[in-house]
Amino acid sequence: MNANDIKRITDKIQRDAELGSGEKIVICLDRTRDSMLEDACLLTTGGGIQEVFWETSFDGIQADEAVIRMSEDGDDLVAFHESRPSSRDHRPNGIRVHHEELDFPCVVFYNSGEERLTVDGEWLAPGEYTAVQEVDSNSPEAQKFFEEYLKSPEVMEGFEEVRRAYAEKIKEKEGM
């Protein structure tokens, strides 16, 4: 991609208050490219743009894959593969992120192509983006999520089941 396009994309992302002010890896996807990867860069906290190393691979048997690294011989920070082909045109619809290998706090996937595509099943029109962010477990958002999760009926039912099982064990021991 040319520098003006990258700057336009990163400016748009930088204005998004929901993404915060930390560093972000920005990955530009285009459905017509190998592994759908068109370009990638690091957006620094100060708004600077740095190049990152990326690599695509394909062997014909498995889905095309891509990895993003800070340097050519560095550790993989982001990895993804093409999703299954669409029934309409038999080309992959988008990508699936390897969340277990994600090693960066915020990764933004931007659809820089002319066709809609998916990122983990979420449709992105041209010019749209989605982010994958690690949530700090001490952040207010994470604390609210955990609080709501612990109050959910499924969790409460599990607590009740454990309580009943413990009470039965106590009864059995007392009956001996």
C-alpha atoms as a PDB file:
ATOM      1  CA  MET A   1       0.000   0.000   0.000  1.00  0.00           C
ATOM      2  CA  ASN A   2       1.156   3.526  -0.492  1.00  0.00           C
ATOM      3  CA  ALA A   3       2.032   5.757   2.454  1.00  0.00           C
ATOM      4  CA  ASN A   4      -0.967   8.070   1.951  1.00  0.00           C
ATOM      5  CA  ASP A   5      -3.422   5.168   2.191  1.00  0.00           C
ATOM      6  CA  ILE A   6      -1.734   3.849   5.338  1.00  0.00           C
ATOM      7  CA  LYS A   7      -1.788   7.337   6.908  1.00  0.00           C
ATOM      8  CA  ARG A   8      -5.487   7.776   6.078  1.00  0.00           C
ATOM      9  CA  ILE A   9      -6.323   4.387   7.627  1.00  0.00           C
ATOM     10  CA  THR A  10      -4.234   4.921  10.771  1.00  0.00           C
ATOM     11  CA  ASP A  11      -5.666   8.430  11.269  1.00  0.00           C
ATOM     12  CA  LYS A  12      -9.176   6.953  11.194  1.00  0.00           C
ATOM     13  CA  ILE A  13      -8.220   4.265  13.702  1.00  0.00           C
ATOM     14  CA  GLN A  14      -6.405   6.706  15.961  1.00  0.00           C
ATOM     15  CA  ARG A  15      -9.564   8.833  16.281  1.00  0.00           C
ATOM     16  CA  ASP A  16     -11.536   5.832  17.616  1.00  0.00           C
ATOM     17  CA  ALA A  17     -11.801   6.468  21.371  1.00  0.00           C
ATOM     18  CA  GLU A  18     -12.889   2.874  22.056  1.00  0.00           C
ATOM     19  CA  LEU A  19      -9.494   1.586  20.943  1.00  0.00           C
ATOM     20  CA  GLY A  20      -7.594   3.605  23.533  1.00  0.00           C
ATOM     21  CA  SER A  21      -4.265   5.299  23.069  1.00  0.00           C
ATOM     22  CA  GLY A  22      -1.826   2.377  23.253  1.00  0.00           C
ATOM     23  CA  GLU A  23       0.152   0.843  20.432  1.00  0.00           C
ATOM     24  CA  LYS A  24      -1.787  -1.047  17.788  1.00  0.00           C
ATOM     25  CA  ILE A  25      -0.840  -3.374  15.001  1.00  0.00           C
ATOM     26  CA  VAL A  26      -2.922  -2.433  11.979  1.00  0.00           C
ATOM     27  CA  ILE A  27      -3.478  -5.196   9.433  1.00  0.00           C
ATOM     28  CA  CYS A  28      -4.953  -4.283   6.057  1.00  0.00           C
ATOM     29  CA  LEU A  29      -6.932  -7.105   4.479  1.00  0.00           C
ATOM     30  CA  ASP A  30      -7.994  -7.500   0.867  1.00  0.00           C
ATOM     31  CA  ARG A  31      -9.923 -10.552  -0.262  1.00  0.00           C
ATOM     32  CA  THR A  32      -8.009 -10.645  -3.561  1.00  0.00           C
ATOM     33  CA  ARG A  33      -4.544 -10.954  -1.933  1.00  0.00           C
ATOM     34  CA  ASP A  34      -2.608 -14.045  -0.862  1.00  0.00           C
ATOM     35  CA  SER A  35      -3.809 -14.952   2.632  1.00  0.00           C
ATOM     36  CA  MET A  36      -5.917 -11.754   2.338  1.00  0.00           C
ATOM     37  CA  LEU A  37      -3.001  -9.765   3.759  1.00  0.00           C
ATOM     38  CA  GLU A  38      -2.307  -6.530   1.900  1.00  0.00           C
ATOM     39  CA  ASP A  39      -0.143  -4.713   4.430  1.00  0.00           C
ATOM     40  CA  ALA A  40       0.576  -4.291   8.136  1.00  0.00           C
ATOM     41  CA  CYS A  41       2.145  -1.650  10.349  1.00  0.00           C
ATOM     42  CA  LEU A  42       2.579  -0.594  13.960  1.00  0.00           C
ATOM     43  CA  LEU A  43       0.692   2.515  15.059  1.00  0.00           C
ATOM     44  CA  THR A  44       2.645   3.937  18.001  1.00  0.00           C
ATOM     45  CA  THR A  45       1.132   5.754  20.968  1.00  0.00           C
ATOM     46  CA  GLY A  46       2.396   9.037  19.572  1.00  0.00           C
ATOM     47  CA  GLY A  47       0.711   8.450  16.212  1.00  0.00           C
ATOM     48  CA  GLY A  48       3.829   7.329  14.394  1.00  0.00           C
ATOM     49  CA  ILE A  49       3.750   4.532  11.851  1.00  0.00           C
ATOM     50  CA  GLN A  50       6.426   1.847  11.828  1.00  0.00           C
ATOM     51  CA  GLU A  51       6.892  -1.025   9.452  1.00  0.00           C
ATOM     52  CA  VAL A  52       6.453  -4.567  10.705  1.00  0.00           C
ATOM     53  CA  PHE A  53       7.501  -7.794   9.075  1.00  0.00           C
ATOM     54  CA  TRP A  54       4.804 -10.058   7.701  1.00  0.00           C
ATOM     55  CA  GLU A  55       4.831 -13.326   5.899  1.00  0.00           C
ATOM     56  CA  THR A  56       2.234 -15.379   4.054  1.00  0.00           C
ATOM     57  CA  SER A  57       2.314 -19.097   3.416  1.00  0.00           C
ATOM     58  CA  PHE A  58       0.274 -21.543   1.420  1.00  0.00           C
ATOM     59  CA  ASP A  59       0.761 -25.179   0.544  1.00  0.00           C
ATOM     60  CA  GLY A  60      -2.448 -26.110  -1.275  1.00  0.00           C
ATOM     61  CA  ILE A  61      -3.573 -28.571   1.389  1.00  0.00           C
ATOM     62  CA  GLN A  62      -4.256 -26.220   4.296  1.00  0.00           C
ATOM     63  CA  ALA A  63      -5.761 -22.738   4.298  1.00  0.00           C
ATOM     64  CA  ASP A  64      -3.411 -19.879   3.451  1.00  0.00           C
ATOM     65  CA  GLU A  65      -1.833 -18.381   6.570  1.00  0.00           C
ATOM     66  CA  ALA A  66      -0.163 -15.126   7.566  1.00  0.00           C
ATOM     67  CA  VAL A  67       1.986 -14.012  10.496  1.00  0.00           C
ATOM     68  CA  ILE A  68       2.998 -10.565  11.701  1.00  0.00           C
ATOM     69  CA  ARG A  69       6.292  -9.928  13.526  1.00  0.00           C
ATOM     70  CA  MET A  70       8.156  -6.836  14.685  1.00  0.00           C
ATOM     71  CA  SER A  71      11.266  -8.063  12.872  1.00  0.00           C
ATOM     72  CA  GLU A  72      12.051 -10.756  10.345  1.00  0.00           C
ATOM     73  CA  ASP A  73      13.442 -13.141  12.943  1.00  0.00           C
ATOM     74  CA  GLY A  74      11.184 -12.009  15.812  1.00  0.00           C
ATOM     75  CA  ASP A  75       8.391 -13.888  17.524  1.00  0.00           C
ATOM     76  CA  ASP A  76       4.977 -14.150  15.889  1.00  0.00           C
ATOM     77  CA  LEU A  77       2.700 -11.458  17.336  1.00  0.00           C
ATOM     78  CA  VAL A  78      -0.368 -12.136  15.213  1.00  0.00           C
ATOM     79  CA  ALA A  79      -1.272 -15.149  13.106  1.00  0.00           C
ATOM     80  CA  PHE A  80      -4.371 -15.940  11.069  1.00  0.00           C
ATOM     81  CA  HIS A  81      -5.577 -18.185   8.289  1.00  0.00           C
ATOM     82  CA  GLU A  82      -8.189 -17.931   5.565  1.00  0.00           C
ATOM     83  CA  SER A  83     -11.637 -19.172   6.487  1.00  0.00           C
ATOM     84  CA  ARG A  84     -13.523 -21.796   4.533  1.00  0.00           C
ATOM     85  CA  PRO A  85     -14.607 -21.003   0.969  1.00  0.00           C
ATOM     86  CA  SER A  86     -17.958 -19.401   0.242  1.00  0.00           C
ATOM     87  CA  SER A  87     -20.602 -21.372  -1.584  1.00  0.00           C
ATOM     88  CA  ARG A  88     -21.125 -18.439  -3.966  1.00  0.00           C
ATOM     89  CA  ASP A  89     -17.684 -18.100  -5.538  1.00  0.00           C
ATOM     90  CA  HIS A  90     -15.653 -20.840  -3.777  1.00  0.00           C
ATOM     91  CA  ARG A  91     -13.131 -18.305  -2.461  1.00  0.00           C
ATOM     92  CA  PRO A  92     -12.499 -17.857   1.268  1.00  0.00           C
ATOM     93  CA  ASN A  93     -14.891 -15.394   2.931  1.00  0.00           C
ATOM     94  CA  GLY A  94     -12.300 -13.977   5.278  1.00  0.00           C
ATOM     95  CA  ILE A  95      -9.884 -14.904   8.031  1.00  0.00           C
ATOM     96  CA  ARG A  96      -9.780 -16.647  11.396  1.00  0.00           C
ATOM     97  CA  VAL A  97      -7.414 -15.178  13.977  1.00  0.00           C
ATOM     98  CA  HIS A  98      -5.242 -17.588  15.968  1.00  0.00           C
ATOM     99  CA  HIS A  99      -6.273 -16.134  19.339  1.00  0.00           C
ATOM    100  CA  GLU A 100      -4.113 -18.608  21.258  1.00  0.00           C
ATOM    101  CA  GLU A 101      -1.046 -17.138  19.513  1.00  0.00           C
ATOM    102  CA  LEU A 102      -2.074 -13.489  19.760  1.00  0.00           C
ATOM    103  CA  ASP A 103       0.737 -11.692  21.549  1.00  0.00           C
ATOM    104  CA  PHE A 104      -0.075  -7.989  21.232  1.00  0.00           C
ATOM    105  CA  PRO A 105      -2.533  -5.901  23.280  1.00  0.00           C
ATOM    106  CA  CYS A 106      -4.470  -4.397  20.348  1.00  0.00           C
ATOM    107  CA  VAL A 107      -4.684  -5.595  16.759  1.00  0.00           C
ATOM    108  CA  VAL A 108      -6.905  -3.796  14.251  1.00  0.00           C
ATOM    109  CA  PHE A 109      -8.067  -5.593  11.101  1.00  0.00           C
ATOM    110  CA  TYR A 110      -9.022  -3.110   8.365  1.00  0.00           C
ATOM    111  CA  ASN A 111     -10.779  -4.092   5.129  1.00  0.00           C
ATOM    112  CA  SER A 112      -8.756  -2.183   2.534  1.00  0.00           C
ATOM    113  CA  GLY A 113     -10.173  -4.137  -0.397  1.00  0.00           C
ATOM    114  CA  GLU A 114     -13.254  -3.628  -2.525  1.00  0.00           C
ATOM    115  CA  GLU A 115     -15.182  -6.705  -1.331  1.00  0.00           C
ATOM    116  CA  ARG A 116     -16.761  -7.578   1.994  1.00  0.00           C
ATOM    117  CA  LEU A 117     -14.889 -10.119   4.099  1.00  0.00           C
ATOM    118  CA  THR A 118     -15.068 -11.641   7.556  1.00  0.00           C
ATOM    119  CA  VAL A 119     -12.785 -11.508  10.554  1.00  0.00           C
ATOM    120  CA  ASP A 120     -13.696 -14.333  12.930  1.00  0.00           C
ATOM    121  CA  GLY A 121     -17.144 -14.450  11.334  1.00  0.00           C
ATOM    122  CA  GLU A 122     -17.838 -10.703  11.632  1.00  0.00           C
ATOM    123  CA  TRP A 123     -18.561  -9.100   8.239  1.00  0.00           C
ATOM    124  CA  LEU A 124     -16.552  -6.015   7.339  1.00  0.00           C
ATOM    125  CA  ALA A 125     -17.476  -3.833   4.400  1.00  0.00           C
ATOM    126  CA  PRO A 126     -14.697  -2.018   2.538  1.00  0.00           C
ATOM    127  CA  GLY A 127     -13.320   0.726   4.794  1.00  0.00           C
ATOM    128  CA  GLU A 128     -14.547  -0.894   8.019  1.00  0.00           C
ATOM    129  CA  TYR A 129     -12.388  -2.346  10.762  1.00  0.00           C
ATOM    130  CA  THR A 130     -12.582  -4.445  13.882  1.00  0.00           C
ATOM    131  CA  ALA A 131     -10.177  -4.817  16.775  1.00  0.00           C
ATOM    132  CA  VAL A 132      -8.993  -7.698  18.889  1.00  0.00           C
ATOM    133  CA  GLN A 133      -7.867  -6.352  22.240  1.00  0.00           C
ATOM    134  CA  GLU A 134      -6.534  -7.955  25.372  1.00  0.00           C
ATOM    135  CA  VAL A 135      -8.510  -6.706  28.337  1.00  0.00           C
ATOM    136  CA  ASP A 136      -6.645  -5.859  31.528  1.00  0.00           C
ATOM    137  CA  SER A 137      -8.287  -7.956  34.241  1.00  0.00           C
ATOM    138  CA  ASN A 138      -8.053  -4.983  36.625  1.00  0.00           C
ATOM    139  CA  SER A 139      -9.809  -2.583  34.254  1.00  0.00           C
ATOM    140  CA  PRO A 140     -13.342  -1.417  35.115  1.00  0.00           C
ATOM    141  CA  GLU A 141     -14.666  -3.127  31.967  1.00  0.00           C
ATOM    142  CA  ALA A 142     -13.167  -6.479  32.949  1.00  0.00           C
ATOM    143  CA  GLN A 143     -14.359  -6.163  36.543  1.00  0.00           C
ATOM    144  CA  LYS A 144     -17.899  -5.433  35.340  1.00  0.00           C
ATOM    145  CA  PHE A 145     -17.795  -8.434  33.006  1.00  0.00           C
ATOM    146  CA  PHE A 146     -16.574 -10.758  35.795  1.00  0.00           C
ATOM    147  CA  GLU A 147     -19.213  -9.425  38.189  1.00  0.00           C
ATOM    148  CA  GLU A 148     -22.004 -10.008  35.656  1.00  0.00           C
ATOM    149  CA  TYR A 149     -20.595 -13.425  34.774  1.00  0.00           C
ATOM    150  CA  LEU A 150     -20.516 -14.532  38.420  1.00  0.00           C
ATOM    151  CA  LYS A 151     -24.164 -13.475  38.807  1.00  0.00           C
ATOM    152  CA  SER A 152     -25.281 -15.334  35.676  1.00  0.00           C
ATOM    153  CA  PRO A 153     -27.816 -18.176  36.139  1.00  0.00           C
ATOM    154  CA  GLU A 154     -25.380 -20.773  34.784  1.00  0.00           C
ATOM    155  CA  VAL A 155     -22.676 -19.859  37.298  1.00  0.00           C
ATOM    156  CA  MET A 156     -25.154 -19.589  40.173  1.00  0.00           C
ATOM    157  CA  GLU A 157     -26.510 -23.038  39.290  1.00  0.00           C
ATOM    158  CA  GLY A 158     -22.962 -24.416  39.333  1.00  0.00           C
ATOM    159  CA  PHE A 159     -22.333 -22.888  42.769  1.00  0.00           C
ATOM    160  CA  GLU A 160     -25.558 -24.418  44.052  1.00  0.00           C
ATOM    161  CA  GLU A 161     -24.601 -27.829  42.648  1.00  0.00           C
ATOM    162  CA  VAL A 162     -21.218 -27.692  44.404  1.00  0.00           C
ATOM    163  CA  ARG A 163     -22.883 -26.580  47.660  1.00  0.00           C
ATOM    164  CA  ARG A 164     -25.351 -29.508  47.489  1.00  0.00           C
ATOM    165  CA  ALA A 165     -22.576 -32.013  46.761  1.00  0.00           C
ATOM    166  CA  TYR A 166     -20.550 -30.699  49.693  1.00  0.00           C
ATOM    167  CA  ALA A 167     -23.563 -30.852  52.022  1.00  0.00           C
ATOM    168  CA  GLU A 168     -24.172 -34.482  50.952  1.00  0.00           C
ATOM    169  CA  LYS A 169     -20.528 -35.395  51.666  1.00  0.00           C
ATOM    170  CA  ILE A 170     -20.787 -33.840  55.129  1.00  0.00           C
ATOM    171  CA  LYS A 171     -23.980 -35.845  55.779  1.00  0.00           C
ATOM    172  CA  GLU A 172     -22.294 -39.057  54.653  1.00  0.00           C
ATOM    173  CA  LYS A 173     -19.319 -38.440  56.967  1.00  0.00           C
ATOM    174  CA  GLU A 174     -21.619 -37.653  59.894  1.00  0.00           C
ATOM    175  CA  GLY A 175     -23.631 -40.822  59.219  1.00  0.00           C
ATOM    176  CA  MET A 176     -20.562 -43.063  59.437  1.00  0.00           C
END
